[in-house]
Amino acid sequence: MLISAYARLPANTTAEEVYKVLALAVLVDLDTGIITEADCSMVTELARRHVARLMTGYDLNQGIGGLVERFEHGYHGAAKRALETALKSIEKKYEELQHR
């Protein structure tokens, strides 16, 4: 299942000038809760790949605390808050899917 979320990017950053908002999309195996792929709207391919690496393989059934922790230790870019906001939105959408 593809789940996407959006969050406002910080002002006066290259990403904000190009995209205005951060788009974060994940493919999730609904049977296991595992994120199998992730992508986001960041300016550099390196940043997009790194975000995808941090997210891929994570089990959303564990809540996003562990995923936020991965970002705390592995991502120190200007879009950090926007990523965390989008992660919370993805968690909420995932939980809604689990209860349908």
C-alpha atoms as a PDB file:
ATOM      1  CA  MET A   1       0.000   0.000   0.000  1.00  0.00           C
ATOM      2  CA  LEU A   2       1.320   3.434  -0.887  1.00  0.00           C
ATOM      3  CA  ILE A   3       0.926   5.995   1.898  1.00  0.00           C
ATOM      4  CA  SER A   4       1.926   9.612   1.374  1.00  0.00           C
ATOM      5  CA  ALA A   5       2.115  12.691   3.557  1.00  0.00           C
ATOM      6  CA  TYR A   6       3.092  16.311   3.214  1.00  0.00           C
ATOM      7  CA  ALA A   7       4.664  18.894   5.501  1.00  0.00           C
ATOM      8  CA  ARG A   8       5.764  22.503   5.166  1.00  0.00           C
ATOM      9  CA  LEU A   9       9.478  22.973   4.548  1.00  0.00           C
ATOM     10  CA  PRO A  10      11.461  25.619   6.434  1.00  0.00           C
ATOM     11  CA  ALA A  11      11.560  29.032   4.772  1.00  0.00           C
ATOM     12  CA  ASN A  12      14.629  30.225   2.920  1.00  0.00           C
ATOM     13  CA  THR A  13      15.949  26.762   2.113  1.00  0.00           C
ATOM     14  CA  THR A  14      16.655  25.430  -1.351  1.00  0.00           C
ATOM     15  CA  ALA A  15      14.069  22.684  -0.887  1.00  0.00           C
ATOM     16  CA  GLU A  16      11.402  25.227   0.078  1.00  0.00           C
ATOM     17  CA  GLU A  17      12.258  27.375  -2.934  1.00  0.00           C
ATOM     18  CA  VAL A  18      11.928  24.373  -5.250  1.00  0.00           C
ATOM     19  CA  TYR A  19       9.081  22.365  -3.677  1.00  0.00           C
ATOM     20  CA  LYS A  20       7.328  24.542  -1.030  1.00  0.00           C
ATOM     21  CA  VAL A  21       6.310  21.359   0.842  1.00  0.00           C
ATOM     22  CA  LEU A  22       7.976  18.060   1.590  1.00  0.00           C
ATOM     23  CA  ALA A  23       6.247  15.052   0.070  1.00  0.00           C
ATOM     24  CA  LEU A  24       7.018  11.725   1.739  1.00  0.00           C
ATOM     25  CA  ALA A  25       5.755   8.457   0.285  1.00  0.00           C
ATOM     26  CA  VAL A  26       6.214   4.907   1.526  1.00  0.00           C
ATOM     27  CA  LEU A  27       5.231   1.481   0.297  1.00  0.00           C
ATOM     28  CA  VAL A  28       4.104  -0.612   3.249  1.00  0.00           C
ATOM     29  CA  ASP A  29       3.396  -4.332   3.391  1.00  0.00           C
ATOM     30  CA  LEU A  30       0.057  -4.264   5.216  1.00  0.00           C
ATOM     31  CA  ASP A  31       0.508  -7.850   6.429  1.00  0.00           C
ATOM     32  CA  THR A  32       3.743  -7.058   8.256  1.00  0.00           C
ATOM     33  CA  GLY A  33       3.813  -3.268   8.648  1.00  0.00           C
ATOM     34  CA  ILE A  34       7.275  -3.173   7.054  1.00  0.00           C
ATOM     35  CA  ILE A  35       8.205  -0.189   4.893  1.00  0.00           C
ATOM     36  CA  THR A  36       9.530  -1.747   1.689  1.00  0.00           C
ATOM     37  CA  GLU A  37      10.325   1.490  -0.172  1.00  0.00           C
ATOM     38  CA  ALA A  38      10.393   5.196   0.600  1.00  0.00           C
ATOM     39  CA  ASP A  39      10.848   8.394  -1.365  1.00  0.00           C
ATOM     40  CA  CYS A  40      10.654  12.101  -0.663  1.00  0.00           C
ATOM     41  CA  SER A  41      10.900  15.452  -2.393  1.00  0.00           C
ATOM     42  CA  MET A  42      14.358  16.659  -1.475  1.00  0.00           C
ATOM     43  CA  VAL A  43      16.631  18.617  -3.732  1.00  0.00           C
ATOM     44  CA  THR A  44      19.571  16.201  -3.813  1.00  0.00           C
ATOM     45  CA  GLU A  45      19.457  12.582  -4.818  1.00  0.00           C
ATOM     46  CA  LEU A  46      21.829  11.780  -1.948  1.00  0.00           C
ATOM     47  CA  ALA A  47      19.327  13.130   0.609  1.00  0.00           C
ATOM     48  CA  ARG A  48      16.447  11.212  -1.013  1.00  0.00           C
ATOM     49  CA  ARG A  49      18.441   7.961  -0.975  1.00  0.00           C
ATOM     50  CA  HIS A  50      19.521   8.506   2.638  1.00  0.00           C
ATOM     51  CA  VAL A  51      15.960   9.130   3.827  1.00  0.00           C
ATOM     52  CA  ALA A  52      14.861   6.008   1.954  1.00  0.00           C
ATOM     53  CA  ARG A  53      17.623   3.961   3.630  1.00  0.00           C
ATOM     54  CA  LEU A  54      16.637   5.217   7.074  1.00  0.00           C
ATOM     55  CA  MET A  55      13.009   4.245   6.485  1.00  0.00           C
ATOM     56  CA  THR A  56      13.236   1.014   4.496  1.00  0.00           C
ATOM     57  CA  GLY A  57      12.782  -2.086   6.627  1.00  0.00           C
ATOM     58  CA  TYR A  58      11.144  -0.262   9.530  1.00  0.00           C
ATOM     59  CA  ASP A  59       8.059  -1.902  11.081  1.00  0.00           C
ATOM     60  CA  LEU A  60       5.272   0.659  11.482  1.00  0.00           C
ATOM     61  CA  ASN A  61       3.582  -1.678  13.976  1.00  0.00           C
ATOM     62  CA  GLN A  62       6.270  -0.526  16.436  1.00  0.00           C
ATOM     63  CA  GLY A  63       5.059   3.081  16.240  1.00  0.00           C
ATOM     64  CA  ILE A  64       7.215   5.823  14.786  1.00  0.00           C
ATOM     65  CA  GLY A  65       9.310   6.443  17.898  1.00  0.00           C
ATOM     66  CA  GLY A  66      12.091   4.202  16.647  1.00  0.00           C
ATOM     67  CA  LEU A  67      11.931   5.728  13.193  1.00  0.00           C
ATOM     68  CA  VAL A  68      12.130   9.257  14.616  1.00  0.00           C
ATOM     69  CA  GLU A  69      15.136   8.055  16.605  1.00  0.00           C
ATOM     70  CA  ARG A  70      16.780   6.861  13.380  1.00  0.00           C
ATOM     71  CA  PHE A  71      16.371  10.382  12.014  1.00  0.00           C
ATOM     72  CA  GLU A  72      17.669  11.920  15.242  1.00  0.00           C
ATOM     73  CA  HIS A  73      20.911   9.971  14.824  1.00  0.00           C
ATOM     74  CA  GLY A  74      21.140   9.840  11.052  1.00  0.00           C
ATOM     75  CA  TYR A  75      19.735  13.042   9.581  1.00  0.00           C
ATOM     76  CA  HIS A  76      20.709  16.593  10.465  1.00  0.00           C
ATOM     77  CA  GLY A  77      19.363  18.548   7.527  1.00  0.00           C
ATOM     78  CA  ALA A  78      17.083  21.572   7.407  1.00  0.00           C
ATOM     79  CA  ALA A  79      14.035  19.438   6.602  1.00  0.00           C
ATOM     80  CA  LYS A  80      14.214  17.387   9.830  1.00  0.00           C
ATOM     81  CA  ARG A  81      11.055  18.840  11.395  1.00  0.00           C
ATOM     82  CA  ALA A  82       9.143  18.516   8.134  1.00  0.00           C
ATOM     83  CA  LEU A  83      10.194  14.861   7.910  1.00  0.00           C
ATOM     84  CA  GLU A  84       9.029  14.200  11.475  1.00  0.00           C
ATOM     85  CA  THR A  85       5.687  15.882  10.770  1.00  0.00           C
ATOM     86  CA  ALA A  86       5.215  13.796   7.631  1.00  0.00           C
ATOM     87  CA  LEU A  87       6.194  10.630   9.537  1.00  0.00           C
ATOM     88  CA  LYS A  88       3.485  11.309  12.119  1.00  0.00           C
ATOM     89  CA  SER A  89       0.944  11.725   9.336  1.00  0.00           C
ATOM     90  CA  ILE A  90       2.032   8.452   7.731  1.00  0.00           C
ATOM     91  CA  GLU A  91       1.707   6.698  11.087  1.00  0.00           C
ATOM     92  CA  LYS A  92      -1.838   8.013  11.503  1.00  0.00           C
ATOM     93  CA  LYS A  93      -2.831   6.922   7.983  1.00  0.00           C
ATOM     94  CA  TYR A  94      -1.283   3.482   8.560  1.00  0.00           C
ATOM     95  CA  GLU A  95      -3.229   3.073  11.807  1.00  0.00           C
ATOM     96  CA  GLU A  96      -6.444   4.061  10.014  1.00  0.00           C
ATOM     97  CA  LEU A  97      -5.787   1.387   7.386  1.00  0.00           C
ATOM     98  CA  GLN A  98      -5.268  -1.224  10.093  1.00  0.00           C
ATOM     99  CA  HIS A  99      -8.668  -0.485  11.607  1.00  0.00           C
ATOM    100  CA  ARG A 100     -10.769  -0.664   8.446  1.00  0.00           C
END
